[in-house]
Amino acid sequence: MSDGEGGRGAETDRDDPSGSGGGGRAPDAPATPRARLRSAALWGAVGGFAFLVLAQGYRLVGPGSLPVGIGGLALVALGVAAASAGLSYLAEARLRAKRRT
């Protein structure tokens, strides 16, 4: 039932182990591993793309070129993405424990 009325159907969230239809999870309930990985991957993508945007802005407006080429920028962006994904994965558990999410 796609109009939001009725019982639980195929619309239930797969990440919600309680089967409450999603959104009904208690604020202090731990996030599922799949949700944490997806969140960390998205934050990693944000970090990598943010680095590439800053590097492109520097190349367009800055005083000169960067000391690395396009391949080097891609490698650094992958490193930034991996670091930001790892940090966000580790920090989420700590922030949730302190109820700051």
Protein backbone atom coordinates (compact mmCIF):
# COMPACT_ATOMS: atom_id res chain seq x y z
CA MET A 1 0.00 0.00 0.00
CA SER A 2 1.88 2.97 -1.25
CA ASP A 3 -0.50 5.60 0.14
CA GLY A 4 0.89 5.18 3.66
CA GLU A 5 -2.22 3.56 5.11
CA GLY A 6 -2.67 0.02 6.20
CA GLY A 7 -0.38 -2.58 7.66
CA ARG A 8 3.24 -3.39 7.20
CA GLY A 9 4.05 -4.45 3.69
CA ALA A 10 7.09 -4.49 1.45
CA GLU A 11 7.85 -0.90 2.45
CA THR A 12 9.58 -1.87 5.71
CA ASP A 13 13.19 -0.79 6.03
CA ARG A 14 15.67 -3.63 5.63
CA ASP A 15 18.07 -1.92 8.04
CA ASP A 16 15.46 -1.85 10.80
CA PRO A 17 15.82 -5.12 12.71
CA SER A 18 12.73 -4.48 14.82
CA GLY A 19 10.51 -4.43 11.74
CA SER A 20 8.73 -1.32 12.96
CA GLY A 21 8.47 0.09 9.46
CA GLY A 22 11.50 2.36 9.75
CA GLY A 23 11.73 5.67 11.50
CA GLY A 24 10.40 4.18 14.73
CA ARG A 25 13.84 3.29 16.07
CA ALA A 26 14.65 4.60 19.53
CA PRO A 27 17.26 7.38 19.57
CA ASP A 28 19.60 5.37 21.79
CA ALA A 29 19.34 2.18 19.72
CA PRO A 30 22.59 1.25 17.98
CA ALA A 31 22.75 1.66 14.23
CA THR A 32 22.90 -1.46 12.13
CA PRO A 33 26.27 -2.32 10.57
CA ARG A 34 24.87 -1.84 7.08
CA ALA A 35 23.61 1.65 7.91
CA ARG A 36 26.94 2.60 9.48
CA LEU A 37 28.88 1.38 6.43
CA ARG A 38 26.59 3.22 4.05
CA SER A 39 26.88 6.42 6.08
CA ALA A 40 30.67 6.15 6.23
CA ALA A 41 30.89 5.50 2.48
CA LEU A 42 28.79 8.56 1.75
CA TRP A 43 30.90 10.75 4.04
CA GLY A 44 33.99 9.37 2.29
CA ALA A 45 32.56 10.38 -1.08
CA VAL A 46 31.78 13.84 0.27
CA GLY A 47 35.35 14.22 1.54
CA GLY A 48 36.92 13.04 -1.71
CA PHE A 49 34.76 15.27 -3.88
CA ALA A 50 35.30 18.24 -1.56
CA PHE A 51 39.05 17.82 -1.99
CA LEU A 52 38.69 17.70 -5.77
CA VAL A 53 36.53 20.84 -5.75
CA LEU A 54 39.11 22.69 -3.66
CA ALA A 55 41.93 21.52 -5.92
CA GLN A 56 40.04 22.62 -9.03
CA GLY A 57 39.29 26.00 -7.46
CA TYR A 58 42.96 26.45 -6.66
CA ARG A 59 43.92 25.56 -10.23
CA LEU A 60 41.41 28.07 -11.61
CA VAL A 61 41.98 30.97 -9.23
CA GLY A 62 45.29 30.25 -7.51
CA PRO A 63 48.67 31.70 -8.37
CA GLY A 64 49.95 28.63 -10.21
CA SER A 65 49.55 24.99 -10.90
CA LEU A 66 49.63 22.22 -8.34
CA PRO A 67 52.77 20.09 -7.90
CA VAL A 68 50.87 16.93 -8.92
CA GLY A 69 48.98 16.08 -12.06
CA ILE A 70 45.51 14.69 -12.53
CA GLY A 71 46.56 11.18 -11.52
CA GLY A 72 48.15 12.49 -8.36
CA LEU A 73 45.02 14.46 -7.51
CA ALA A 74 42.95 11.32 -7.99
CA LEU A 75 45.20 9.36 -5.64
CA VAL A 76 45.10 12.09 -3.00
CA ALA A 77 41.30 12.30 -3.36
CA LEU A 78 41.06 8.54 -2.81
CA GLY A 79 43.22 8.89 0.28
CA VAL A 80 41.07 11.72 1.61
CA ALA A 81 37.93 9.70 0.89
CA ALA A 82 39.31 6.64 2.70
CA ALA A 83 40.42 8.72 5.68
CA SER A 84 37.12 10.58 6.00
CA ALA A 85 35.13 7.34 5.63
CA GLY A 86 37.21 5.65 8.32
CA LEU A 87 37.00 8.58 10.69
CA SER A 88 33.26 8.94 10.24
CA TYR A 89 32.76 5.21 10.85
CA LEU A 90 34.75 5.38 14.08
CA ALA A 91 33.28 8.68 15.25
CA GLU A 92 29.66 7.64 14.77
CA ALA A 93 29.76 5.11 17.60
CA ARG A 94 31.31 7.66 19.94
CA LEU A 95 28.86 10.41 19.02
CA ARG A 96 25.90 8.05 19.40
CA ALA A 97 27.18 6.96 22.81
CA LYS A 98 27.27 10.61 23.88
CA ARG A 99 23.82 11.20 22.30
CA ARG A 100 25.07 13.91 19.97
CA THR A 101 23.68 12.55 16.73
